[in-house]
Amino acid sequence: MMRLLFIAVLALGLTAPAVGALAHHGWSWTTGGNIDLTGIIKTVRLGNPHGILTIDVEGEEWRAEVGQPWRNERAGLEEGDLAAGVEIRVIGEPAADLSEKRVKVERLFLGQREYVLYPGRD
């Protein structure tokens, strides 16, 4: 009985960090609907766990979360595509609290070219 209890506690301890990671990187903080924003990239921080762009949208600063490096690459983005001064259009799910001015980007446009970060999330 003690051995079974030990195994159960060990299994729970090993899965708890994974559950936390899924909660952080999931979509639970978003509304489930989409918004469409166009603006100029002010700052860029690409890398793991995901990239962050600060975008000036008509004088308002929005935080746009793009994909992990592998996801951005798979979508066709190349180094330097996302840079300060570049005009960008993003479509994605905003934070449930719109005052956060935060969006998880599903698709983005640089000029006329579309980059799909999360296929099937429309």
PDB file of N, CA and C in Angstrom:
ATOM      1  N   MET A   1       0.826  -1.192   0.000  1.00  0.00           N
ATOM      2  CA  MET A   1       0.000   0.000   0.000  1.00  0.00           C
ATOM      3  C   MET A   1       0.876   1.263   0.000  1.00  0.00           C
ATOM      4  N   MET A   2       1.915   1.269   0.825  1.00  0.00           N
ATOM      5  CA  MET A   2       2.810   2.431   0.874  1.00  0.00           C
ATOM      6  C   MET A   2       3.510   2.638  -0.466  1.00  0.00           C
ATOM      7  N   ARG A   3       3.862   1.541  -1.112  1.00  0.00           N
ATOM      8  CA  ARG A   3       4.536   1.654  -2.404  1.00  0.00           C
ATOM      9  C   ARG A   3       3.603   2.278  -3.449  1.00  0.00           C
ATOM     10  N   LEU A   4       2.345   1.881  -3.456  1.00  0.00           N
ATOM     11  CA  LEU A   4       1.360   2.433  -4.376  1.00  0.00           C
ATOM     12  C   LEU A   4       1.157   3.927  -4.116  1.00  0.00           C
ATOM     13  N   LEU A   5       1.094   4.311  -2.850  1.00  0.00           N
ATOM     14  CA  LEU A   5       0.951   5.715  -2.481  1.00  0.00           C
ATOM     15  C   LEU A   5       2.176   6.511  -2.943  1.00  0.00           C
ATOM     16  N   PHE A   6       3.359   5.945  -2.752  1.00  0.00           N
ATOM     17  CA  PHE A   6       4.593   6.600  -3.183  1.00  0.00           C
ATOM     18  C   PHE A   6       4.587   6.827  -4.696  1.00  0.00           C
ATOM     19  N   ILE A   7       4.185   5.839  -5.462  1.00  0.00           N
ATOM     20  CA  ILE A   7       4.139   5.944  -6.924  1.00  0.00           C
ATOM     21  C   ILE A   7       3.129   7.005  -7.348  1.00  0.00           C
ATOM     22  N   ALA A   8       1.983   7.051  -6.690  1.00  0.00           N
ATOM     23  CA  ALA A   8       0.962   8.046  -7.025  1.00  0.00           C
ATOM     24  C   ALA A   8       1.467   9.463  -6.750  1.00  0.00           C
ATOM     25  N   VAL A   9       2.112   9.666  -5.611  1.00  0.00           N
ATOM     26  CA  VAL A   9       2.644  10.980  -5.260  1.00  0.00           C
ATOM     27  C   VAL A   9       3.755  11.377  -6.239  1.00  0.00           C
ATOM     28  N   LEU A  10       4.617  10.441  -6.584  1.00  0.00           N
ATOM     29  CA  LEU A  10       5.689  10.697  -7.533  1.00  0.00           C
ATOM     30  C   LEU A  10       5.123  11.088  -8.902  1.00  0.00           C
ATOM     31  N   ALA A  11       4.119  10.357  -9.367  1.00  0.00           N
ATOM     32  CA  ALA A  11       3.502  10.652 -10.665  1.00  0.00           C
ATOM     33  C   ALA A  11       2.873  12.035 -10.662  1.00  0.00           C
ATOM     34  N   LEU A  12       2.192  12.391  -9.582  1.00  0.00           N
ATOM     35  CA  LEU A  12       1.583  13.707  -9.474  1.00  0.00           C
ATOM     36  C   LEU A  12       2.658  14.796  -9.489  1.00  0.00           C
ATOM     37  N   GLY A  13       3.737  14.570  -8.778  1.00  0.00           N
ATOM     38  CA  GLY A  13       4.825  15.545  -8.732  1.00  0.00           C
ATOM     39  C   GLY A  13       5.485  15.751 -10.078  1.00  0.00           C
ATOM     40  N   LEU A  14       5.563  14.707 -10.862  1.00  0.00           N
ATOM     41  CA  LEU A  14       6.192  14.827 -12.174  1.00  0.00           C
ATOM     42  C   LEU A  14       5.295  15.502 -13.200  1.00  0.00           C
ATOM     43  N   THR A  15       3.980  15.404 -13.045  1.00  0.00           N
ATOM     44  CA  THR A  15       3.077  16.010 -14.020  1.00  0.00           C
ATOM     45  C   THR A  15       2.706  17.437 -13.684  1.00  0.00           C
ATOM     46  N   ALA A  16       2.842  17.854 -12.445  1.00  0.00           N
ATOM     47  CA  ALA A  16       2.446  19.214 -12.047  1.00  0.00           C
ATOM     48  C   ALA A  16       3.160  20.296 -12.849  1.00  0.00           C
ATOM     49  N   PRO A  17       4.493  20.229 -13.063  1.00  0.00           N
ATOM     50  CA  PRO A  17       5.142  21.272 -13.859  1.00  0.00           C
ATOM     51  C   PRO A  17       4.625  21.333 -15.295  1.00  0.00           C
ATOM     52  N   ALA A  18       4.299  20.184 -15.870  1.00  0.00           N
ATOM     53  CA  ALA A  18       3.786  20.165 -17.240  1.00  0.00           C
ATOM     54  C   ALA A  18       2.432  20.849 -17.327  1.00  0.00           C
ATOM     55  N   VAL A  19       1.584  20.647 -16.329  1.00  0.00           N
ATOM     56  CA  VAL A  19       0.276  21.287 -16.318  1.00  0.00           C
ATOM     57  C   VAL A  19       0.446  22.793 -16.242  1.00  0.00           C
ATOM     58  N   GLY A  20       1.356  23.272 -15.419  1.00  0.00           N
ATOM     59  CA  GLY A  20       1.623  24.704 -15.320  1.00  0.00           C
ATOM     60  C   GLY A  20       2.099  25.278 -16.635  1.00  0.00           C
ATOM     61  N   ALA A  21       2.955  24.551 -17.328  1.00  0.00           N
ATOM     62  CA  ALA A  21       3.463  25.027 -18.621  1.00  0.00           C
ATOM     63  C   ALA A  21       2.336  25.115 -19.641  1.00  0.00           C
ATOM     64  N   LEU A  22       1.455  24.123 -19.657  1.00  0.00           N
ATOM     65  CA  LEU A  22       0.336  24.157 -20.588  1.00  0.00           C
ATOM     66  C   LEU A  22      -0.586  25.332 -20.288  1.00  0.00           C
ATOM     67  N   ALA A  23      -0.815  25.608 -19.036  1.00  0.00           N
ATOM     68  CA  ALA A  23      -1.678  26.728 -18.676  1.00  0.00           C
ATOM     69  C   ALA A  23      -1.076  28.042 -19.146  1.00  0.00           C
ATOM     70  N   HIS A  24       0.237  28.207 -19.007  1.00  0.00           N
ATOM     71  CA  HIS A  24       0.882  29.454 -19.413  1.00  0.00           C
ATOM     72  C   HIS A  24       0.851  29.631 -20.919  1.00  0.00           C
ATOM     73  N   HIS A  25       1.066  28.566 -21.656  1.00  0.00           N
ATOM     74  CA  HIS A  25       1.202  28.683 -23.099  1.00  0.00           C
ATOM     75  C   HIS A  25      -0.072  28.388 -23.855  1.00  0.00           C
ATOM     76  N   GLY A  26      -1.160  28.192 -23.142  1.00  0.00           N
ATOM     77  CA  GLY A  26      -2.427  27.900 -23.795  1.00  0.00           C
ATOM     78  C   GLY A  26      -3.134  29.159 -24.247  1.00  0.00           C
ATOM     79  N   TRP A  27      -4.399  29.006 -24.505  1.00  0.00           N
ATOM     80  CA  TRP A  27      -5.229  30.094 -25.004  1.00  0.00           C
ATOM     81  C   TRP A  27      -6.238  30.551 -23.946  1.00  0.00           C
ATOM     82  N   SER A  28      -6.098  30.083 -22.712  1.00  0.00           N
ATOM     83  CA  SER A  28      -7.107  30.359 -21.684  1.00  0.00           C
ATOM     84  C   SER A  28      -7.266  31.840 -21.375  1.00  0.00           C
ATOM     85  N   TRP A  29      -6.275  32.656 -21.606  1.00  0.00           N
ATOM     86  CA  TRP A  29      -6.354  34.085 -21.300  1.00  0.00           C
ATOM     87  C   TRP A  29      -7.014  34.891 -22.413  1.00  0.00           C
ATOM     88  N   THR A  30      -7.314  34.239 -23.541  1.00  0.00           N
ATOM     89  CA  THR A  30      -7.891  34.950 -24.677  1.00  0.00           C
ATOM     90  C   THR A  30      -9.418  34.877 -24.661  1.00  0.00           C
ATOM     91  N   THR A  31     -10.034  35.637 -25.574  1.00  0.00           N
ATOM     92  CA  THR A  31     -11.491  35.716 -25.627  1.00  0.00           C
ATOM     93  C   THR A  31     -12.129  34.599 -26.430  1.00  0.00           C
ATOM     94  N   GLY A  32     -11.385  34.001 -27.344  1.00  0.00           N
ATOM     95  CA  GLY A  32     -11.966  33.010 -28.243  1.00  0.00           C
ATOM     96  C   GLY A  32     -12.394  33.634 -29.563  1.00  0.00           C
ATOM     97  N   GLY A  33     -12.474  34.954 -29.635  1.00  0.00           N
ATOM     98  CA  GLY A  33     -12.802  35.662 -30.876  1.00  0.00           C
ATOM     99  C   GLY A  33     -11.540  36.257 -31.464  1.00  0.00           C
ATOM    100  N   ASN A  34     -11.652  36.845 -32.636  1.00  0.00           N
ATOM    101  CA  ASN A  34     -10.490  37.438 -33.293  1.00  0.00           C
ATOM    102  C   ASN A  34     -10.627  38.949 -33.426  1.00  0.00           C
ATOM    103  N   ILE A  35      -9.465  39.609 -33.415  1.00  0.00           N
ATOM    104  CA  ILE A  35      -9.399  41.022 -33.761  1.00  0.00           C
ATOM    105  C   ILE A  35      -8.364  41.172 -34.867  1.00  0.00           C
ATOM    106  N   ASP A  36      -8.432  42.279 -35.557  1.00  0.00           N
ATOM    107  CA  ASP A  36      -7.553  42.576 -36.685  1.00  0.00           C
ATOM    108  C   ASP A  36      -6.913  43.925 -36.400  1.00  0.00           C
ATOM    109  N   LEU A  37      -5.592  43.959 -36.264  1.00  0.00           N
ATOM    110  CA  LEU A  37      -4.869  45.189 -35.945  1.00  0.00           C
ATOM    111  C   LEU A  37      -3.789  45.446 -36.989  1.00  0.00           C
ATOM    112  N   THR A  38      -3.613  46.704 -37.346  1.00  0.00           N
ATOM    113  CA  THR A  38      -2.528  47.096 -38.236  1.00  0.00           C
ATOM    114  C   THR A  38      -1.744  48.216 -37.565  1.00  0.00           C
ATOM    115  N   GLY A  39      -0.428  48.080 -37.577  1.00  0.00           N
ATOM    116  CA  GLY A  39       0.400  49.094 -36.960  1.00  0.00           C
ATOM    117  C   GLY A  39       1.861  48.933 -37.356  1.00  0.00           C
ATOM    118  N   ILE A  40       2.703  49.650 -36.637  1.00  0.00           N
ATOM    119  CA  ILE A  40       4.143  49.640 -36.883  1.00  0.00           C
ATOM    120  C   ILE A  40       4.834  48.950 -35.703  1.00  0.00           C
ATOM    121  N   ILE A  41       5.711  47.996 -36.015  1.00  0.00           N
ATOM    122  CA  ILE A  41       6.460  47.303 -34.969  1.00  0.00           C
ATOM    123  C   ILE A  41       7.416  48.290 -34.310  1.00  0.00           C
ATOM    124  N   LYS A  42       7.347  48.375 -32.980  1.00  0.00           N
ATOM    125  CA  LYS A  42       8.256  49.241 -32.219  1.00  0.00           C
ATOM    126  C   LYS A  42       9.426  48.452 -31.660  1.00  0.00           C
ATOM    127  N   THR A  43       9.125  47.305 -31.036  1.00  0.00           N
ATOM    128  CA  THR A  43      10.178  46.464 -30.470  1.00  0.00           C
ATOM    129  C   THR A  43       9.911  45.011 -30.798  1.00  0.00           C
ATOM    130  N   VAL A  44      10.985  44.231 -30.808  1.00  0.00           N
ATOM    131  CA  VAL A  44      10.909  42.805 -31.133  1.00  0.00           C
ATOM    132  C   VAL A  44      11.762  42.031 -30.144  1.00  0.00           C
ATOM    133  N   ARG A  45      11.188  40.961 -29.583  1.00  0.00           N
ATOM    134  CA  ARG A  45      11.950  39.996 -28.794  1.00  0.00           C
ATOM    135  C   ARG A  45      11.488  38.618 -29.247  1.00  0.00           C
ATOM    136  N   LEU A  46      12.320  37.969 -30.038  1.00  0.00           N
ATOM    137  CA  LEU A  46      11.980  36.641 -30.552  1.00  0.00           C
ATOM    138  C   LEU A  46      12.734  35.597 -29.752  1.00  0.00           C
ATOM    139  N   GLY A  47      12.141  34.446 -29.625  1.00  0.00           N
ATOM    140  CA  GLY A  47      12.764  33.363 -28.882  1.00  0.00           C
ATOM    141  C   GLY A  47      11.723  32.555 -28.155  1.00  0.00           C
ATOM    142  N   ASN A  48      12.171  31.762 -27.216  1.00  0.00           N
ATOM    143  CA  ASN A  48      11.274  30.907 -26.443  1.00  0.00           C
ATOM    144  C   ASN A  48      10.853  31.607 -25.170  1.00  0.00           C
ATOM    145  N   PRO A  49       9.699  31.379 -24.626  1.00  0.00           N
ATOM    146  CA  PRO A  49       8.717  30.401 -25.098  1.00  0.00           C
ATOM    147  C   PRO A  49       7.937  30.875 -26.326  1.00  0.00           C
ATOM    148  N   HIS A  50       7.946  32.178 -26.626  1.00  0.00           N
ATOM    149  CA  HIS A  50       7.334  32.716 -27.835  1.00  0.00           C
ATOM    150  C   HIS A  50       7.874  34.124 -28.038  1.00  0.00           C
ATOM    151  N   GLY A  51       7.690  34.632 -29.249  1.00  0.00           N
ATOM    152  CA  GLY A  51       8.154  35.977 -29.538  1.00  0.00           C
ATOM    153  C   GLY A  51       7.158  37.029 -29.077  1.00  0.00           C
ATOM    154  N   ILE A  52       7.675  38.210 -28.769  1.00  0.00           N
ATOM    155  CA  ILE A  52       6.843  39.332 -28.335  1.00  0.00           C
ATOM    156  C   ILE A  52       7.154  40.540 -29.220  1.00  0.00           C
ATOM    157  N   LEU A  53       6.122  41.106 -29.810  1.00  0.00           N
ATOM    158  CA  LEU A  53       6.254  42.336 -30.577  1.00  0.00           C
ATOM    159  C   LEU A  53       5.481  43.422 -29.844  1.00  0.00           C
ATOM    160  N   THR A  54       6.025  44.612 -29.812  1.00  0.00           N
ATOM    161  CA  THR A  54       5.272  45.774 -29.364  1.00  0.00           C
ATOM    162  C   THR A  54       4.910  46.525 -30.632  1.00  0.00           C
ATOM    163  N   ILE A  55       3.613  46.776 -30.819  1.00  0.00           N
ATOM    164  CA  ILE A  55       3.123  47.384 -32.051  1.00  0.00           C
ATOM    165  C   ILE A  55       2.382  48.679 -31.719  1.00  0.00           C
ATOM    166  N   ASP A  56       2.703  49.729 -32.447  1.00  0.00           N
ATOM    167  CA  ASP A  56       1.977  50.990 -32.319  1.00  0.00           C
ATOM    168  C   ASP A  56       0.791  50.930 -33.275  1.00  0.00           C
ATOM    169  N   VAL A  57      -0.408  50.875 -32.690  1.00  0.00           N
ATOM    170  CA  VAL A  57      -1.644  50.831 -33.465  1.00  0.00           C
ATOM    171  C   VAL A  57      -2.386  52.144 -33.207  1.00  0.00           C
ATOM    172  N   GLU A  58      -2.246  53.075 -34.133  1.00  0.00           N
ATOM    173  CA  GLU A  58      -2.905  54.379 -34.031  1.00  0.00           C
ATOM    174  C   GLU A  58      -2.655  55.039 -32.675  1.00  0.00           C
ATOM    175  N   GLY A  59      -1.397  55.017 -32.237  1.00  0.00           N
ATOM    176  CA  GLY A  59      -1.015  55.672 -30.985  1.00  0.00           C
ATOM    177  C   GLY A  59      -1.177  54.828 -29.734  1.00  0.00           C
ATOM    178  N   GLU A  60      -1.750  53.638 -29.870  1.00  0.00           N
ATOM    179  CA  GLU A  60      -1.878  52.721 -28.734  1.00  0.00           C
ATOM    180  C   GLU A  60      -0.850  51.607 -28.874  1.00  0.00           C
ATOM    181  N   GLU A  61      -0.213  51.267 -27.776  1.00  0.00           N
ATOM    182  CA  GLU A  61       0.803  50.226 -27.785  1.00  0.00           C
ATOM    183  C   GLU A  61       0.162  48.873 -27.459  1.00  0.00           C
ATOM    184  N   TRP A  62       0.298  47.924 -28.390  1.00  0.00           N
ATOM    185  CA  TRP A  62      -0.226  46.567 -28.222  1.00  0.00           C
ATOM    186  C   TRP A  62       0.934  45.592 -28.103  1.00  0.00           C
ATOM    187  N   ARG A  63       0.746  44.583 -27.266  1.00  0.00           N
ATOM    188  CA  ARG A  63       1.711  43.490 -27.131  1.00  0.00           C
ATOM    189  C   ARG A  63       1.168  42.323 -27.957  1.00  0.00           C
ATOM    190  N   ALA A  64       1.932  41.912 -28.947  1.00  0.00           N
ATOM    191  CA  ALA A  64       1.522  40.813 -29.826  1.00  0.00           C
ATOM    192  C   ALA A  64       2.436  39.621 -29.585  1.00  0.00           C
ATOM    193  N   GLU A  65       1.834  38.501 -29.200  1.00  0.00           N
ATOM    194  CA  GLU A  65       2.603  37.279 -28.969  1.00  0.00           C
ATOM    195  C   GLU A  65       2.571  36.445 -30.240  1.00  0.00           C
ATOM    196  N   VAL A  66       3.741  36.279 -30.844  1.00  0.00           N
ATOM    197  CA  VAL A  66       3.862  35.447 -32.039  1.00  0.00           C
ATOM    198  C   VAL A  66       4.342  34.063 -31.600  1.00  0.00           C
ATOM    199  N   GLY A  67       4.655  33.220 -32.557  1.00  0.00           N
ATOM    200  CA  GLY A  67       5.000  31.842 -32.229  1.00  0.00           C
ATOM    201  C   GLY A  67       6.408  31.648 -31.695  1.00  0.00           C
ATOM    202  N   GLN A  68       6.656  30.399 -31.331  1.00  0.00           N
ATOM    203  CA  GLN A  68       7.999  29.983 -30.968  1.00  0.00           C
ATOM    204  C   GLN A  68       8.858  30.051 -32.238  1.00  0.00           C
ATOM    205  N   PRO A  69      10.178  30.073 -32.090  1.00  0.00           N
ATOM    206  CA  PRO A  69      11.029  30.168 -33.288  1.00  0.00           C
ATOM    207  C   PRO A  69      10.690  29.134 -34.364  1.00  0.00           C
ATOM    208  N   TRP A  70      10.452  27.882 -33.988  1.00  0.00           N
ATOM    209  CA  TRP A  70      10.145  26.851 -34.989  1.00  0.00           C
ATOM    210  C   TRP A  70       8.812  27.129 -35.667  1.00  0.00           C
ATOM    211  N   ARG A  71       7.842  27.662 -34.937  1.00  0.00           N
ATOM    212  CA  ARG A  71       6.522  27.945 -35.521  1.00  0.00           C
ATOM    213  C   ARG A  71       6.627  29.108 -36.509  1.00  0.00           C
ATOM    214  N   ASN A  72       7.373  30.149 -36.147  1.00  0.00           N
ATOM    215  CA  ASN A  72       7.561  31.289 -37.047  1.00  0.00           C
ATOM    216  C   ASN A  72       8.260  30.845 -38.326  1.00  0.00           C
ATOM    217  N   GLU A  73       9.280  30.006 -38.173  1.00  0.00           N
ATOM    218  CA  GLU A  73      10.015  29.500 -39.344  1.00  0.00           C
ATOM    219  C   GLU A  73       9.105  28.652 -40.224  1.00  0.00           C
ATOM    220  N   ARG A  74       8.320  27.782 -39.598  1.00  0.00           N
ATOM    221  CA  ARG A  74       7.407  26.924 -40.357  1.00  0.00           C
ATOM    222  C   ARG A  74       6.387  27.759 -41.146  1.00  0.00           C
ATOM    223  N   ALA A  75       6.003  28.919 -40.586  1.00  0.00           N
ATOM    224  CA  ALA A  75       5.057  29.803 -41.272  1.00  0.00           C
ATOM    225  C   ALA A  75       5.713  30.535 -42.447  1.00  0.00           C
ATOM    226  N   GLY A  76       7.050  30.500 -42.515  1.00  0.00           N
ATOM    227  CA  GLY A  76       7.758  31.142 -43.625  1.00  0.00           C
ATOM    228  C   GLY A  76       8.466  32.430 -43.255  1.00  0.00           C
ATOM    229  N   LEU A  77       8.397  32.822 -41.986  1.00  0.00           N
ATOM    230  CA  LEU A  77       9.104  34.030 -41.565  1.00  0.00           C
ATOM    231  C   LEU A  77      10.607  33.784 -41.551  1.00  0.00           C
ATOM    232  N   GLU A  78      11.348  34.781 -41.995  1.00  0.00           N
ATOM    233  CA  GLU A  78      12.798  34.685 -41.996  1.00  0.00           C
ATOM    234  C   GLU A  78      13.374  35.719 -41.054  1.00  0.00           C
ATOM    235  N   GLU A  79      14.615  35.511 -40.663  1.00  0.00           N
ATOM    236  CA  GLU A  79      15.277  36.452 -39.765  1.00  0.00           C
ATOM    237  C   GLU A  79      15.238  37.850 -40.374  1.00  0.00           C
ATOM    238  N   GLY A  80      14.845  38.806 -39.569  1.00  0.00           N
ATOM    239  CA  GLY A  80      14.767  40.186 -40.027  1.00  0.00           C
ATOM    240  C   GLY A  80      13.403  40.609 -40.542  1.00  0.00           C
ATOM    241  N   ASP A  81      12.511  39.643 -40.827  1.00  0.00           N
ATOM    242  CA  ASP A  81      11.171  40.000 -41.288  1.00  0.00           C
ATOM    243  C   ASP A  81      10.422  40.821 -40.238  1.00  0.00           C
ATOM    244  N   LEU A  82      10.525  40.391 -38.985  1.00  0.00           N
ATOM    245  CA  LEU A  82       9.877  41.096 -37.885  1.00  0.00           C
ATOM    246  C   LEU A  82      10.909  42.022 -37.266  1.00  0.00           C
ATOM    247  N   ALA A  83      10.832  43.303 -37.619  1.00  0.00           N
ATOM    248  CA  ALA A  83      11.834  44.269 -37.162  1.00  0.00           C
ATOM    249  C   ALA A  83      11.162  45.600 -36.861  1.00  0.00           C
ATOM    250  N   ALA A  84      11.786  46.368 -36.004  1.00  0.00           N
ATOM    251  CA  ALA A  84      11.279  47.702 -35.674  1.00  0.00           C
ATOM    252  C   ALA A  84      11.125  48.515 -36.952  1.00  0.00           C
ATOM    253  N   GLY A  85      10.013  49.246 -37.048  1.00  0.00           N
ATOM    254  CA  GLY A  85       9.745  50.092 -38.194  1.00  0.00           C
ATOM    255  C   GLY A  85       8.932  49.442 -39.296  1.00  0.00           C
ATOM    256  N   VAL A  86       8.729  48.121 -39.212  1.00  0.00           N
ATOM    257  CA  VAL A  86       7.987  47.391 -40.243  1.00  0.00           C
ATOM    258  C   VAL A  86       6.485  47.496 -39.971  1.00  0.00           C
ATOM    259  N   GLU A  87       5.708  47.770 -41.027  1.00  0.00           N
ATOM    260  CA  GLU A  87       4.255  47.757 -40.879  1.00  0.00           C
ATOM    261  C   GLU A  87       3.783  46.309 -40.849  1.00  0.00           C
ATOM    262  N   ILE A  88       2.875  46.007 -39.940  1.00  0.00           N
ATOM    263  CA  ILE A  88       2.385  44.647 -39.761  1.00  0.00           C
ATOM    264  C   ILE A  88       0.882  44.677 -39.511  1.00  0.00           C
ATOM    265  N   ARG A  89       0.228  43.679 -40.019  1.00  0.00           N
ATOM    266  CA  ARG A  89      -1.194  43.449 -39.723  1.00  0.00           C
ATOM    267  C   ARG A  89      -1.267  42.111 -39.012  1.00  0.00           C
ATOM    268  N   VAL A  90      -1.926  42.079 -37.851  1.00  0.00           N
ATOM    269  CA  VAL A  90      -2.054  40.833 -37.110  1.00  0.00           C
ATOM    270  C   VAL A  90      -3.529  40.511 -36.912  1.00  0.00           C
ATOM    271  N   ILE A  91      -3.838  39.231 -36.974  1.00  0.00           N
ATOM    272  CA  ILE A  91      -5.171  38.721 -36.679  1.00  0.00           C
ATOM    273  C   ILE A  91      -4.985  37.659 -35.616  1.00  0.00           C
ATOM    274  N   GLY A  92      -5.722  37.799 -34.523  1.00  0.00           N
ATOM    275  CA  GLY A  92      -5.577  36.833 -33.453  1.00  0.00           C
ATOM    276  C   GLY A  92      -6.554  37.089 -32.323  1.00  0.00           C
ATOM    277  N   GLU A  93      -6.357  36.337 -31.267  1.00  0.00           N
ATOM    278  CA  GLU A  93      -7.256  36.395 -30.123  1.00  0.00           C
ATOM    279  C   GLU A  93      -6.730  37.369 -29.078  1.00  0.00           C
ATOM    280  N   PRO A  94      -7.552  38.378 -28.746  1.00  0.00           N
ATOM    281  CA  PRO A  94      -7.129  39.338 -27.723  1.00  0.00           C
ATOM    282  C   PRO A  94      -7.324  38.772 -26.326  1.00  0.00           C
ATOM    283  N   ALA A  95      -6.673  39.421 -25.362  1.00  0.00           N
ATOM    284  CA  ALA A  95      -6.882  39.072 -23.957  1.00  0.00           C
ATOM    285  C   ALA A  95      -8.335  39.339 -23.605  1.00  0.00           C
ATOM    286  N   ALA A  96      -8.871  38.520 -22.717  1.00  0.00           N
ATOM    287  CA  ALA A  96     -10.252  38.700 -22.269  1.00  0.00           C
ATOM    288  C   ALA A  96     -10.451  40.103 -21.700  1.00  0.00           C
ATOM    289  N   ASP A  97      -9.412  40.639 -21.060  1.00  0.00           N
ATOM    290  CA  ASP A  97      -9.439  42.008 -20.557  1.00  0.00           C
ATOM    291  C   ASP A  97      -8.797  42.890 -21.623  1.00  0.00           C
ATOM    292  N   LEU A  98      -9.608  43.559 -22.440  1.00  0.00           N
ATOM    293  CA  LEU A  98      -9.081  44.343 -23.562  1.00  0.00           C
ATOM    294  C   LEU A  98      -8.177  45.481 -23.125  1.00  0.00           C
ATOM    295  N   SER A  99      -8.261  45.899 -21.862  1.00  0.00           N
ATOM    296  CA  SER A  99      -7.380  46.963 -21.393  1.00  0.00           C
ATOM    297  C   SER A  99      -5.915  46.509 -21.359  1.00  0.00           C
ATOM    298  N   GLU A 100      -5.685  45.194 -21.399  1.00  0.00           N
ATOM    299  CA  GLU A 100      -4.310  44.671 -21.469  1.00  0.00           C
ATOM    300  C   GLU A 100      -3.647  45.000 -22.798  1.00  0.00           C
ATOM    301  N   LYS A 101      -4.443  45.201 -23.839  1.00  0.00           N
ATOM    302  CA  LYS A 101      -3.911  45.448 -25.195  1.00  0.00           C
ATOM    303  C   LYS A 101      -2.866  44.384 -25.547  1.00  0.00           C
ATOM    304  N   ARG A 102      -3.316  43.144 -25.493  1.00  0.00           N
ATOM    305  CA  ARG A 102      -2.471  41.977 -25.736  1.00  0.00           C
ATOM    306  C   ARG A 102      -3.208  41.034 -26.670  1.00  0.00           C
ATOM    307  N   VAL A 103      -2.503  40.494 -27.654  1.00  0.00           N
ATOM    308  CA  VAL A 103      -3.125  39.596 -28.621  1.00  0.00           C
ATOM    309  C   VAL A 103      -2.197  38.420 -28.901  1.00  0.00           C
ATOM    310  N   LYS A 104      -2.782  37.237 -28.984  1.00  0.00           N
ATOM    311  CA  LYS A 104      -2.043  36.040 -29.398  1.00  0.00           C
ATOM    312  C   LYS A 104      -2.258  35.911 -30.902  1.00  0.00           C
ATOM    313  N   VAL A 105      -1.211  36.126 -31.654  1.00  0.00           N
ATOM    314  CA  VAL A 105      -1.304  36.213 -33.119  1.00  0.00           C
ATOM    315  C   VAL A 105      -1.483  34.828 -33.734  1.00  0.00           C
ATOM    316  N   GLU A 106      -2.528  34.706 -34.565  1.00  0.00           N
ATOM    317  CA  GLU A 106      -2.763  33.473 -35.319  1.00  0.00           C
ATOM    318  C   GLU A 106      -2.222  33.601 -36.734  1.00  0.00           C
ATOM    319  N   ARG A 107      -2.431  34.788 -37.324  1.00  0.00           N
ATOM    320  CA  ARG A 107      -1.952  35.082 -38.683  1.00  0.00           C
ATOM    321  C   ARG A 107      -1.405  36.489 -38.693  1.00  0.00           C
ATOM    322  N   LEU A 108      -0.415  36.730 -39.541  1.00  0.00           N
ATOM    323  CA  LEU A 108       0.088  38.086 -39.695  1.00  0.00           C
ATOM    324  C   LEU A 108       0.403  38.340 -41.153  1.00  0.00           C
ATOM    325  N   PHE A 109       0.413  39.620 -41.487  1.00  0.00           N
ATOM    326  CA  PHE A 109       0.686  40.040 -42.859  1.00  0.00           C
ATOM    327  C   PHE A 109       1.816  41.052 -42.847  1.00  0.00           C
ATOM    328  N   LEU A 110       2.775  40.850 -43.714  1.00  0.00           N
ATOM    329  CA  LEU A 110       3.836  41.816 -43.997  1.00  0.00           C
ATOM    330  C   LEU A 110       3.651  42.164 -45.462  1.00  0.00           C
ATOM    331  N   GLY A 111       3.172  43.390 -45.726  1.00  0.00           N
ATOM    332  CA  GLY A 111       2.760  43.724 -47.084  1.00  0.00           C
ATOM    333  C   GLY A 111       1.558  42.859 -47.431  1.00  0.00           C
ATOM    334  N   GLN A 112       1.591  42.254 -48.586  1.00  0.00           N
ATOM    335  CA  GLN A 112       0.487  41.388 -49.020  1.00  0.00           C
ATOM    336  C   GLN A 112       0.689  39.923 -48.629  1.00  0.00           C
ATOM    337  N   ARG A 113       1.865  39.603 -48.094  1.00  0.00           N
ATOM    338  CA  ARG A 113       2.180  38.200 -47.779  1.00  0.00           C
ATOM    339  C   ARG A 113       1.622  37.799 -46.423  1.00  0.00           C
ATOM    340  N   GLU A 114       0.889  36.692 -46.418  1.00  0.00           N
ATOM    341  CA  GLU A 114       0.282  36.172 -45.185  1.00  0.00           C
ATOM    342  C   GLU A 114       1.164  35.072 -44.602  1.00  0.00           C
ATOM    343  N   TYR A 115       1.303  35.086 -43.276  1.00  0.00           N
ATOM    344  CA  TYR A 115       2.031  34.064 -42.540  1.00  0.00           C
ATOM    345  C   TYR A 115       1.065  33.477 -41.513  1.00  0.00           C
ATOM    346  N   VAL A 116       0.822  32.171 -41.623  1.00  0.00           N
ATOM    347  CA  VAL A 116      -0.136  31.510 -40.728  1.00  0.00           C
ATOM    348  C   VAL A 116       0.647  30.793 -39.637  1.00  0.00           C
ATOM    349  N   LEU A 117       0.524  31.300 -38.400  1.00  0.00           N
ATOM    350  CA  LEU A 117       1.245  30.711 -37.272  1.00  0.00           C
ATOM    351  C   LEU A 117       0.484  29.535 -36.669  1.00  0.00           C
ATOM    352  N   TYR A 118      -0.827  29.624 -36.633  1.00  0.00           N
ATOM    353  CA  TYR A 118      -1.661  28.579 -36.011  1.00  0.00           C
ATOM    354  C   TYR A 118      -2.732  28.154 -37.001  1.00  0.00           C
ATOM    355  N   PRO A 119      -2.414  27.218 -37.898  1.00  0.00           N
ATOM    356  CA  PRO A 119      -3.404  26.755 -38.882  1.00  0.00           C
ATOM    357  C   PRO A 119      -4.629  26.172 -38.178  1.00  0.00           C
ATOM    358  N   GLY A 120      -5.777  26.462 -38.739  1.00  0.00           N
ATOM    359  CA  GLY A 120      -7.001  25.872 -38.218  1.00  0.00           C
ATOM    360  C   GLY A 120      -7.579  26.570 -37.007  1.00  0.00           C
ATOM    361  N   ARG A 121      -7.067  27.726 -36.615  1.00  0.00           N
ATOM    362  CA  ARG A 121      -7.585  28.430 -35.433  1.00  0.00           C
ATOM    363  C   ARG A 121      -8.606  29.500 -35.828  1.00  0.00           C
ATOM    364  N   ASP A 122      -9.021  29.552 -37.088  1.00  0.00           N
ATOM    365  CA  ASP A 122      -9.984  30.592 -37.521  1.00  0.00           C
ATOM    366  C   ASP A 122     -11.337  30.361 -36.902  1.00  0.00           C
TER     367      ASP A 122
END
